[in-house]
Amino acid sequence: MRHYPAGVTVVTLDSPDGPVGFTATSFASLSLEPPLISFNIADTSSSIRALLNAESVVVHILGEHQQHLAQRFSRSADQRFTDHSLWTTLPTGEPVLHGTPIWFRAVVQQLIPIGDHTFVVGLVTRVHDQTEEKPSAAPLLYYNGRYHRPVELDH
């Protein structure tokens, strides 16, 4: 599967033990009406317990300028939120990463155990989009074990 490119997201949520977050490359749009999104989390993830108990999440679609966040949230859980200049908290409690062109707040609708992962379905309740007509940053992609930026092909 490493030969299939994927957009890079960071999923964040609030928990009784503080903010939780992880990098996810399995994000997908499921439905326009109602607005549903999905992503997967490994059963071995340090974030799985908090996610299984979460009522809502924020999914950040990372721009090419945010590779450092993708790497930070794929490392040790105790290092992910140590730099308070990188994030703030929504009134609903979820952490939000600064400088992310697009993010979605979603209420967890379904958690479906599949193989060694859990498939998460969320109902979008808020969209933050700073891209207007033209994206402010190209999306960050993950392909064959490395981060990439998309390049437009000639017509």
Protein backbone atom coordinates (compact mmCIF):
# COMPACT_ATOMS: atom_id res chain seq x y z
CA MET A 1 0.00 0.00 0.00
CA ARG A 2 3.01 2.28 0.28
CA HIS A 3 2.84 2.74 -3.49
CA TYR A 4 -0.53 4.50 -3.26
CA PRO A 5 -0.21 8.20 -2.38
CA ALA A 6 -2.31 9.52 0.48
CA GLY A 7 -3.12 12.92 1.90
CA VAL A 8 -1.73 13.53 5.37
CA THR A 9 -3.99 14.53 8.26
CA VAL A 10 -3.61 14.94 11.99
CA VAL A 11 -6.56 13.87 14.12
CA THR A 12 -6.90 15.57 17.52
CA LEU A 13 -9.31 15.07 20.40
CA ASP A 14 -9.82 15.94 24.03
CA SER A 15 -9.55 13.33 26.75
CA PRO A 16 -9.68 13.28 30.56
CA ASP A 17 -5.87 12.95 30.49
CA GLY A 18 -5.37 15.94 28.19
CA PRO A 19 -5.09 16.46 24.43
CA VAL A 20 -4.56 13.47 22.15
CA GLY A 21 -3.53 13.45 18.51
CA PHE A 22 -2.06 11.26 15.79
CA THR A 23 -1.10 11.35 12.12
CA ALA A 24 -3.53 9.57 9.79
CA THR A 25 -3.23 8.96 6.04
CA SER A 26 -6.53 7.08 5.74
CA PHE A 27 -8.83 10.12 5.74
CA ALA A 28 -11.75 10.04 3.30
CA SER A 29 -14.97 11.87 2.53
CA LEU A 30 -17.85 9.41 2.84
CA SER A 31 -21.02 11.40 2.23
CA LEU A 32 -22.10 14.91 1.32
CA GLU A 33 -25.60 14.58 2.79
CA PRO A 34 -25.20 14.09 5.67
CA PRO A 35 -21.58 15.31 5.72
CA LEU A 36 -19.62 12.23 6.83
CA ILE A 37 -15.87 11.65 6.95
CA SER A 38 -13.76 8.65 7.95
CA PHE A 39 -10.29 7.54 8.97
CA ASN A 40 -8.65 4.47 10.49
CA ILE A 41 -6.61 4.02 13.64
CA ALA A 42 -4.41 1.01 14.46
CA ASP A 43 -5.39 -1.05 17.47
CA THR A 44 -1.76 -0.68 18.64
CA SER A 45 -1.91 3.14 18.56
CA SER A 46 -1.21 4.98 21.81
CA SER A 47 -4.31 7.07 20.97
CA ILE A 48 -6.79 4.21 20.48
CA ARG A 49 -8.22 4.16 24.03
CA ALA A 50 -8.87 7.92 24.05
CA LEU A 51 -10.42 7.76 20.58
CA LEU A 52 -12.76 4.91 21.52
CA ASN A 53 -14.09 7.11 24.34
CA ALA A 54 -14.18 10.41 22.40
CA GLU A 55 -17.41 12.12 21.44
CA SER A 56 -15.75 14.33 18.79
CA VAL A 57 -12.52 14.87 16.87
CA VAL A 58 -10.86 17.49 14.70
CA VAL A 59 -9.27 16.31 11.44
CA HIS A 60 -6.62 18.67 10.07
CA ILE A 61 -5.73 18.43 6.38
CA LEU A 62 -2.06 19.33 6.42
CA GLY A 63 -0.44 21.65 3.91
CA GLU A 64 2.99 21.04 2.42
CA HIS A 65 4.41 23.50 4.98
CA GLN A 66 3.34 21.23 7.87
CA GLN A 67 5.56 18.18 7.45
CA HIS A 68 6.94 18.92 10.94
CA LEU A 69 3.43 18.37 12.38
CA ALA A 70 2.98 15.09 10.51
CA GLN A 71 6.28 13.89 11.96
CA ARG A 72 5.56 15.23 15.47
CA PHE A 73 2.19 13.43 15.64
CA SER A 74 3.59 10.13 14.39
CA ARG A 75 6.24 10.03 17.16
CA SER A 76 6.02 9.45 20.90
CA ALA A 77 2.63 10.51 22.34
CA ASP A 78 4.17 12.44 25.23
CA GLN A 79 5.91 14.85 22.80
CA ARG A 80 2.94 15.73 20.56
CA PHE A 81 1.45 18.64 22.53
CA THR A 82 4.52 19.87 24.44
CA ASP A 83 4.91 22.97 22.23
CA HIS A 84 1.92 25.13 23.19
CA SER A 85 2.68 27.62 20.40
CA LEU A 86 1.50 25.03 17.84
CA TRP A 87 -2.11 24.66 19.01
CA THR A 88 -5.07 26.10 20.82
CA THR A 89 -8.34 24.64 22.11
CA LEU A 90 -11.81 25.02 20.64
CA PRO A 91 -14.65 26.02 23.01
CA THR A 92 -15.80 22.39 22.65
CA GLY A 93 -12.46 21.15 24.04
CA GLU A 94 -10.66 19.72 21.03
CA PRO A 95 -7.12 20.88 20.24
CA VAL A 96 -6.70 22.73 16.91
CA LEU A 97 -3.32 23.07 15.17
CA HIS A 98 -2.33 26.58 14.04
CA GLY A 99 -1.72 27.25 10.36
CA THR A 100 -3.78 24.35 9.03
CA PRO A 101 -5.54 25.45 5.81
CA ILE A 102 -8.55 23.16 6.33
CA TRP A 103 -9.89 21.32 9.35
CA PHE A 104 -13.14 19.59 10.23
CA ARG A 105 -14.75 19.10 13.63
CA ALA A 106 -16.78 15.91 13.62
CA VAL A 107 -18.94 14.06 16.11
CA VAL A 108 -18.03 10.37 16.24
CA GLN A 109 -20.92 8.42 14.70
CA GLN A 110 -19.53 4.90 14.38
CA LEU A 111 -16.50 2.91 15.48
CA ILE A 112 -16.12 -0.28 13.47
CA PRO A 113 -13.40 -2.80 14.39
CA ILE A 114 -11.90 -4.15 11.16
CA GLY A 115 -8.81 -6.39 11.17
CA ASP A 116 -6.10 -4.71 13.25
CA HIS A 117 -7.67 -1.23 12.91
CA THR A 118 -10.80 0.65 13.91
CA PHE A 119 -12.71 2.45 11.16
CA VAL A 120 -14.05 5.77 12.46
CA VAL A 121 -17.03 7.57 10.91
CA GLY A 122 -17.65 11.18 11.90
CA LEU A 123 -20.48 13.63 11.23
CA VAL A 124 -18.99 17.01 10.31
CA THR A 125 -20.34 19.80 12.52
CA ARG A 126 -17.85 22.56 11.65
CA VAL A 127 -15.59 23.33 8.69
CA HIS A 128 -12.64 25.71 8.85
CA ASP A 129 -11.41 26.59 5.35
CA GLN A 130 -8.84 29.32 4.74
CA THR A 131 -8.19 28.39 1.12
CA GLU A 132 -10.89 30.61 -0.46
CA GLU A 133 -10.75 30.23 -4.26
CA LYS A 134 -7.08 29.28 -4.42
CA PRO A 135 -5.37 27.02 -1.85
CA SER A 136 -2.92 28.86 0.39
CA ALA A 137 -0.72 25.76 0.47
CA ALA A 138 -0.58 22.55 -1.52
CA PRO A 139 -1.64 19.47 0.44
CA LEU A 140 1.00 17.30 2.08
CA LEU A 141 1.18 13.81 0.58
CA TYR A 142 2.72 10.57 1.82
CA TYR A 143 4.04 8.10 -0.73
CA ASN A 144 6.50 5.20 -0.50
CA GLY A 145 7.64 6.12 3.02
CA ARG A 146 8.32 9.81 2.29
CA TYR A 147 6.49 13.14 2.28
CA HIS A 148 5.75 14.86 -1.05
CA ARG A 149 3.93 17.84 -2.52
CA PRO A 150 1.69 17.52 -5.58
CA VAL A 151 2.95 18.93 -8.85
CA GLU A 152 0.48 20.05 -11.51
CA LEU A 153 0.82 18.22 -14.81
CA ASP A 154 0.89 20.10 -18.09
CA HIS A 155 -2.37 19.90 -20.02
